[in-house]
Amino acid sequence: MTSIVMRILSLFPMIVAIICGILLLASLIGIDAPEQSEQVPLIPCGVPGFQSCPVGMTSDNLTIPPGFLLLDIDATIEWERPDVSWIGLVDASAADTCPPDDNGLTDCEASEFDFLAGGNGTDGMFEYSFAPGDTRFVTGGNPGSADLSSQMVTINIECSLTWWVEAILFLAGAGLLGSAFDMNFPLVSSLIGRFGKKV
């Protein structure tokens, strides 16, 4: 009777261990978010009517909540026209010194921004690992660009658990499986323990 009860009880740590294993496997593979695409206007630079090279900025912050500290959020940003434009990522505080107007244009040029990723000179794509906080996308034209059309910007995001969360899941799963094994096969566990002491 006791043996049956022990085997039933051993199911609980085994189930939790399996859940930990599934979460760990999903994290190692990575989860891809749906691709996001948007048409973004091109901004002229250094041509009649645009003697300076103004920078466009998104009007809203991209906010990563503190709870996402448990996740690795890796983004790949690509755009169609690197020959005439660039795209970058800056801290949201940049909007305090270079606020965008109603058209999304700032009075600042690229040299006045501290880029977290991308920026002028970037060749069509950049990658960035997001952390909790606020950021904004900025864009501008390459020198001599007079194109007034728009381009497609694509964002691909892959999420996984941070390495230390993966380590906790692995250790927890291994410990729970060991506990379930010990509850089901105490004799084998005892023999393994004795062998370990002799070694």
C-alpha atoms as a PDB file:
ATOM      1  CA  MET A   1       0.000   0.000   0.000  1.00  0.00           C
ATOM      2  CA  THR A   2       2.821   2.377   0.954  1.00  0.00           C
ATOM      3  CA  SER A   3       4.592   1.576  -2.322  1.00  0.00           C
ATOM      4  CA  ILE A   4       1.480   2.452  -4.321  1.00  0.00           C
ATOM      5  CA  VAL A   5       1.057   5.755  -2.459  1.00  0.00           C
ATOM      6  CA  MET A   6       4.722   6.613  -3.051  1.00  0.00           C
ATOM      7  CA  ARG A   7       4.376   5.945  -6.767  1.00  0.00           C
ATOM      8  CA  ILE A   8       1.276   8.118  -6.976  1.00  0.00           C
ATOM      9  CA  LEU A   9       3.040  10.914  -5.099  1.00  0.00           C
ATOM     10  CA  SER A  10       6.046  10.570  -7.402  1.00  0.00           C
ATOM     11  CA  LEU A  11       3.847  11.649 -10.309  1.00  0.00           C
ATOM     12  CA  PHE A  12       3.740  15.237  -9.039  1.00  0.00           C
ATOM     13  CA  PRO A  13       7.493  15.964  -9.238  1.00  0.00           C
ATOM     14  CA  MET A  14       7.639  14.041 -12.517  1.00  0.00           C
ATOM     15  CA  ILE A  15       4.868  16.175 -14.055  1.00  0.00           C
ATOM     16  CA  VAL A  16       6.526  19.390 -12.899  1.00  0.00           C
ATOM     17  CA  ALA A  17       9.871  18.139 -14.241  1.00  0.00           C
ATOM     18  CA  ILE A  18       8.270  17.470 -17.634  1.00  0.00           C
ATOM     19  CA  ILE A  19       6.789  20.988 -17.655  1.00  0.00           C
ATOM     20  CA  CYS A  20      10.246  22.413 -16.854  1.00  0.00           C
ATOM     21  CA  GLY A  21      11.697  20.349 -19.691  1.00  0.00           C
ATOM     22  CA  ILE A  22       9.095  21.590 -22.180  1.00  0.00           C
ATOM     23  CA  LEU A  23       9.713  25.224 -21.187  1.00  0.00           C
ATOM     24  CA  LEU A  24      13.476  24.717 -21.453  1.00  0.00           C
ATOM     25  CA  LEU A  25      13.188  23.093 -24.879  1.00  0.00           C
ATOM     26  CA  ALA A  26      10.907  25.872 -26.155  1.00  0.00           C
ATOM     27  CA  SER A  27      13.377  28.472 -24.895  1.00  0.00           C
ATOM     28  CA  LEU A  28      16.362  26.758 -26.528  1.00  0.00           C
ATOM     29  CA  ILE A  29      14.511  26.607 -29.851  1.00  0.00           C
ATOM     30  CA  GLY A  30      13.223  30.187 -29.481  1.00  0.00           C
ATOM     31  CA  ILE A  31       9.771  31.563 -30.205  1.00  0.00           C
ATOM     32  CA  ASP A  32       9.330  33.809 -33.247  1.00  0.00           C
ATOM     33  CA  ALA A  33       6.804  36.623 -32.992  1.00  0.00           C
ATOM     34  CA  PRO A  34       4.753  37.447 -36.107  1.00  0.00           C
ATOM     35  CA  GLU A  35       6.708  39.573 -38.571  1.00  0.00           C
ATOM     36  CA  GLN A  36       5.797  43.257 -38.475  1.00  0.00           C
ATOM     37  CA  SER A  37       6.084  45.484 -41.548  1.00  0.00           C
ATOM     38  CA  GLU A  38       5.326  49.163 -42.054  1.00  0.00           C
ATOM     39  CA  GLN A  39       5.711  51.751 -44.796  1.00  0.00           C
ATOM     40  CA  VAL A  40       8.009  54.561 -43.626  1.00  0.00           C
ATOM     41  CA  PRO A  41       8.500  57.851 -45.552  1.00  0.00           C
ATOM     42  CA  LEU A  42      11.965  58.598 -46.912  1.00  0.00           C
ATOM     43  CA  ILE A  43      13.564  61.857 -45.746  1.00  0.00           C
ATOM     44  CA  PRO A  44      15.635  63.997 -48.173  1.00  0.00           C
ATOM     45  CA  CYS A  45      19.091  65.105 -47.074  1.00  0.00           C
ATOM     46  CA  GLY A  46      21.305  67.954 -48.302  1.00  0.00           C
ATOM     47  CA  VAL A  47      19.209  68.905 -51.347  1.00  0.00           C
ATOM     48  CA  PRO A  48      17.333  72.143 -52.221  1.00  0.00           C
ATOM     49  CA  GLY A  49      14.613  72.628 -49.642  1.00  0.00           C
ATOM     50  CA  PHE A  50      16.418  70.266 -47.253  1.00  0.00           C
ATOM     51  CA  GLN A  51      19.864  71.849 -46.906  1.00  0.00           C
ATOM     52  CA  SER A  52      20.216  70.114 -43.555  1.00  0.00           C
ATOM     53  CA  CYS A  53      19.590  66.422 -42.926  1.00  0.00           C
ATOM     54  CA  PRO A  54      16.635  66.244 -40.507  1.00  0.00           C
ATOM     55  CA  VAL A  55      15.915  63.067 -38.583  1.00  0.00           C
ATOM     56  CA  GLY A  56      12.477  61.523 -38.235  1.00  0.00           C
ATOM     57  CA  MET A  57      11.398  59.928 -34.965  1.00  0.00           C
ATOM     58  CA  THR A  58       8.465  57.769 -33.890  1.00  0.00           C
ATOM     59  CA  SER A  59       5.951  59.677 -31.788  1.00  0.00           C
ATOM     60  CA  ASP A  60       5.483  56.921 -29.194  1.00  0.00           C
ATOM     61  CA  ASN A  61       7.913  55.019 -27.018  1.00  0.00           C
ATOM     62  CA  LEU A  62       8.570  51.330 -27.524  1.00  0.00           C
ATOM     63  CA  THR A  63       8.258  50.123 -23.923  1.00  0.00           C
ATOM     64  CA  ILE A  64       9.641  46.837 -22.584  1.00  0.00           C
ATOM     65  CA  PRO A  65       8.094  46.220 -19.108  1.00  0.00           C
ATOM     66  CA  PRO A  66      10.363  45.287 -16.147  1.00  0.00           C
ATOM     67  CA  GLY A  67       8.798  41.808 -16.016  1.00  0.00           C
ATOM     68  CA  PHE A  68      10.440  41.024 -19.364  1.00  0.00           C
ATOM     69  CA  LEU A  69      13.771  40.877 -17.529  1.00  0.00           C
ATOM     70  CA  LEU A  70      13.293  37.083 -17.617  1.00  0.00           C
ATOM     71  CA  LEU A  71      13.351  37.085 -21.433  1.00  0.00           C
ATOM     72  CA  ASP A  72      15.912  37.570 -24.167  1.00  0.00           C
ATOM     73  CA  ILE A  73      14.190  39.630 -26.867  1.00  0.00           C
ATOM     74  CA  ASP A  74      16.300  39.683 -30.020  1.00  0.00           C
ATOM     75  CA  ALA A  75      15.099  41.882 -32.870  1.00  0.00           C
ATOM     76  CA  THR A  76      16.259  42.139 -36.479  1.00  0.00           C
ATOM     77  CA  ILE A  77      15.286  45.343 -38.278  1.00  0.00           C
ATOM     78  CA  GLU A  78      15.599  45.551 -42.083  1.00  0.00           C
ATOM     79  CA  TRP A  79      14.658  48.240 -44.608  1.00  0.00           C
ATOM     80  CA  GLU A  80      14.386  48.298 -48.398  1.00  0.00           C
ATOM     81  CA  ARG A  81      16.374  51.401 -49.349  1.00  0.00           C
ATOM     82  CA  PRO A  82      19.729  51.505 -47.542  1.00  0.00           C
ATOM     83  CA  ASP A  83      21.092  53.333 -50.601  1.00  0.00           C
ATOM     84  CA  VAL A  84      19.139  56.462 -49.683  1.00  0.00           C
ATOM     85  CA  SER A  85      18.210  56.041 -46.003  1.00  0.00           C
ATOM     86  CA  TRP A  86      19.178  54.726 -42.618  1.00  0.00           C
ATOM     87  CA  ILE A  87      17.264  53.632 -39.508  1.00  0.00           C
ATOM     88  CA  GLY A  88      18.415  53.566 -35.913  1.00  0.00           C
ATOM     89  CA  LEU A  89      17.291  52.976 -32.348  1.00  0.00           C
ATOM     90  CA  VAL A  90      17.781  55.512 -29.545  1.00  0.00           C
ATOM     91  CA  ASP A  91      16.830  55.831 -25.908  1.00  0.00           C
ATOM     92  CA  ALA A  92      13.437  57.478 -25.458  1.00  0.00           C
ATOM     93  CA  SER A  93      15.106  60.330 -23.558  1.00  0.00           C
ATOM     94  CA  ALA A  94      16.338  61.601 -26.943  1.00  0.00           C
ATOM     95  CA  ALA A  95      12.807  62.929 -27.488  1.00  0.00           C
ATOM     96  CA  ASP A  96      13.408  65.435 -24.670  1.00  0.00           C
ATOM     97  CA  THR A  97      16.184  67.217 -26.566  1.00  0.00           C
ATOM     98  CA  CYS A  98      14.997  66.419 -30.101  1.00  0.00           C
ATOM     99  CA  PRO A  99      11.192  66.169 -29.982  1.00  0.00           C
ATOM    100  CA  PRO A 100       9.405  65.225 -33.224  1.00  0.00           C
ATOM    101  CA  ASP A 101       6.863  67.645 -34.693  1.00  0.00           C
ATOM    102  CA  ASP A 102       3.429  66.722 -36.043  1.00  0.00           C
ATOM    103  CA  ASN A 103       5.092  65.302 -39.168  1.00  0.00           C
ATOM    104  CA  GLY A 104       7.496  63.179 -37.144  1.00  0.00           C
ATOM    105  CA  LEU A 105      10.537  65.332 -37.988  1.00  0.00           C
ATOM    106  CA  THR A 106      12.998  66.628 -35.406  1.00  0.00           C
ATOM    107  CA  ASP A 107      15.257  69.686 -35.620  1.00  0.00           C
ATOM    108  CA  CYS A 108      18.290  67.479 -34.998  1.00  0.00           C
ATOM    109  CA  GLU A 109      20.712  65.691 -37.297  1.00  0.00           C
ATOM    110  CA  ALA A 110      22.156  62.183 -36.951  1.00  0.00           C
ATOM    111  CA  SER A 111      25.337  63.411 -35.235  1.00  0.00           C
ATOM    112  CA  GLU A 112      23.251  64.668 -32.295  1.00  0.00           C
ATOM    113  CA  PHE A 113      21.924  61.204 -31.400  1.00  0.00           C
ATOM    114  CA  ASP A 114      23.530  58.426 -29.385  1.00  0.00           C
ATOM    115  CA  PHE A 115      22.425  55.289 -31.202  1.00  0.00           C
ATOM    116  CA  LEU A 116      21.762  52.074 -29.319  1.00  0.00           C
ATOM    117  CA  ALA A 117      21.833  50.257 -32.666  1.00  0.00           C
ATOM    118  CA  GLY A 118      21.740  51.130 -36.351  1.00  0.00           C
ATOM    119  CA  GLY A 119      22.134  54.755 -37.347  1.00  0.00           C
ATOM    120  CA  ASN A 120      23.641  56.583 -40.306  1.00  0.00           C
ATOM    121  CA  GLY A 121      26.012  54.357 -42.234  1.00  0.00           C
ATOM    122  CA  THR A 122      24.113  51.169 -41.386  1.00  0.00           C
ATOM    123  CA  ASP A 123      23.750  48.912 -44.421  1.00  0.00           C
ATOM    124  CA  GLY A 124      20.100  47.912 -44.543  1.00  0.00           C
ATOM    125  CA  MET A 125      19.713  46.036 -41.267  1.00  0.00           C
ATOM    126  CA  PHE A 126      20.731  45.815 -37.633  1.00  0.00           C
ATOM    127  CA  GLU A 127      20.124  43.525 -34.684  1.00  0.00           C
ATOM    128  CA  TYR A 128      19.368  44.516 -31.111  1.00  0.00           C
ATOM    129  CA  SER A 129      18.630  42.690 -27.857  1.00  0.00           C
ATOM    130  CA  PHE A 130      15.939  44.638 -26.033  1.00  0.00           C
ATOM    131  CA  ALA A 131      16.059  45.140 -22.266  1.00  0.00           C
ATOM    132  CA  PRO A 132      13.380  46.654 -20.002  1.00  0.00           C
ATOM    133  CA  GLY A 133      13.046  50.365 -20.735  1.00  0.00           C
ATOM    134  CA  ASP A 134      11.836  52.856 -23.356  1.00  0.00           C
ATOM    135  CA  THR A 135      13.279  53.332 -26.826  1.00  0.00           C
ATOM    136  CA  ARG A 136      12.330  55.041 -30.097  1.00  0.00           C
ATOM    137  CA  PHE A 137      13.101  54.434 -33.745  1.00  0.00           C
ATOM    138  CA  VAL A 138      14.672  57.212 -35.795  1.00  0.00           C
ATOM    139  CA  THR A 139      15.333  57.497 -39.524  1.00  0.00           C
ATOM    140  CA  GLY A 140      17.023  59.854 -41.935  1.00  0.00           C
ATOM    141  CA  GLY A 141      18.329  60.216 -45.477  1.00  0.00           C
ATOM    142  CA  ASN A 142      21.831  59.605 -46.763  1.00  0.00           C
ATOM    143  CA  PRO A 143      23.660  62.734 -48.035  1.00  0.00           C
ATOM    144  CA  GLY A 144      22.325  63.799 -51.432  1.00  0.00           C
ATOM    145  CA  SER A 145      19.141  61.750 -51.198  1.00  0.00           C
ATOM    146  CA  ALA A 146      16.145  63.511 -52.797  1.00  0.00           C
ATOM    147  CA  ASP A 147      13.735  60.554 -52.813  1.00  0.00           C
ATOM    148  CA  LEU A 148      10.324  61.513 -51.380  1.00  0.00           C
ATOM    149  CA  SER A 149       8.698  58.087 -51.629  1.00  0.00           C
ATOM    150  CA  SER A 150       8.464  55.508 -48.839  1.00  0.00           C
ATOM    151  CA  GLN A 151      10.054  52.173 -48.015  1.00  0.00           C
ATOM    152  CA  MET A 152       9.051  48.989 -46.238  1.00  0.00           C
ATOM    153  CA  VAL A 153      10.603  48.408 -42.819  1.00  0.00           C
ATOM    154  CA  THR A 154      10.406  44.889 -41.389  1.00  0.00           C
ATOM    155  CA  ILE A 155      10.902  43.817 -37.781  1.00  0.00           C
ATOM    156  CA  ASN A 156      11.449  40.191 -36.772  1.00  0.00           C
ATOM    157  CA  ILE A 157      11.538  39.294 -33.072  1.00  0.00           C
ATOM    158  CA  GLU A 158      12.663  36.061 -31.424  1.00  0.00           C
ATOM    159  CA  CYS A 159      12.028  35.472 -27.711  1.00  0.00           C
ATOM    160  CA  SER A 160      13.644  33.014 -25.328  1.00  0.00           C
ATOM    161  CA  LEU A 161      14.305  32.757 -21.611  1.00  0.00           C
ATOM    162  CA  THR A 162      17.512  34.278 -20.270  1.00  0.00           C
ATOM    163  CA  TRP A 163      20.378  31.842 -19.635  1.00  0.00           C
ATOM    164  CA  TRP A 164      19.996  31.957 -15.859  1.00  0.00           C
ATOM    165  CA  VAL A 165      16.280  31.105 -16.047  1.00  0.00           C
ATOM    166  CA  GLU A 166      17.166  28.202 -18.356  1.00  0.00           C
ATOM    167  CA  ALA A 167      19.750  27.039 -15.805  1.00  0.00           C
ATOM    168  CA  ILE A 168      17.164  27.157 -12.999  1.00  0.00           C
ATOM    169  CA  LEU A 169      14.689  25.151 -15.091  1.00  0.00           C
ATOM    170  CA  PHE A 170      17.349  22.547 -15.895  1.00  0.00           C
ATOM    171  CA  LEU A 171      18.425  22.141 -12.266  1.00  0.00           C
ATOM    172  CA  ALA A 172      14.825  22.075 -11.025  1.00  0.00           C
ATOM    173  CA  GLY A 173      13.815  19.509 -13.645  1.00  0.00           C
ATOM    174  CA  ALA A 174      16.811  17.293 -12.932  1.00  0.00           C
ATOM    175  CA  GLY A 175      16.207  17.489  -9.179  1.00  0.00           C
ATOM    176  CA  LEU A 176      12.520  16.650  -9.505  1.00  0.00           C
ATOM    177  CA  LEU A 177      13.242  13.718 -11.828  1.00  0.00           C
ATOM    178  CA  GLY A 178      15.801  12.443  -9.335  1.00  0.00           C
ATOM    179  CA  SER A 179      13.243  12.757  -6.549  1.00  0.00           C
ATOM    180  CA  ALA A 180      10.621  10.871  -8.573  1.00  0.00           C
ATOM    181  CA  PHE A 181      13.142   8.134  -9.398  1.00  0.00           C
ATOM    182  CA  ASP A 182      14.093   7.810  -5.729  1.00  0.00           C
ATOM    183  CA  MET A 183      10.433   7.507  -4.697  1.00  0.00           C
ATOM    184  CA  ASN A 184       9.762   4.796  -7.301  1.00  0.00           C
ATOM    185  CA  PHE A 185      13.011   2.860  -7.008  1.00  0.00           C
ATOM    186  CA  PRO A 186      14.413   3.364  -3.492  1.00  0.00           C
ATOM    187  CA  LEU A 187      16.472   0.162  -3.685  1.00  0.00           C
ATOM    188  CA  VAL A 188      18.294   1.292  -6.834  1.00  0.00           C
ATOM    189  CA  SER A 189      18.889   4.722  -5.311  1.00  0.00           C
ATOM    190  CA  SER A 190      20.291   3.094  -2.178  1.00  0.00           C
ATOM    191  CA  LEU A 191      22.695   0.947  -4.212  1.00  0.00           C
ATOM    192  CA  ILE A 192      23.829   3.957  -6.220  1.00  0.00           C
ATOM    193  CA  GLY A 193      24.401   5.858  -2.976  1.00  0.00           C
ATOM    194  CA  ARG A 194      26.500   3.029  -1.504  1.00  0.00           C
ATOM    195  CA  PHE A 195      28.548   2.727  -4.677  1.00  0.00           C
ATOM    196  CA  GLY A 196      29.190   6.449  -4.603  1.00  0.00           C
ATOM    197  CA  LYS A 197      30.477   6.253  -1.018  1.00  0.00           C
ATOM    198  CA  LYS A 198      32.876   3.430  -1.893  1.00  0.00           C
ATOM    199  CA  VAL A 199      34.267   5.381  -4.830  1.00  0.00           C
END
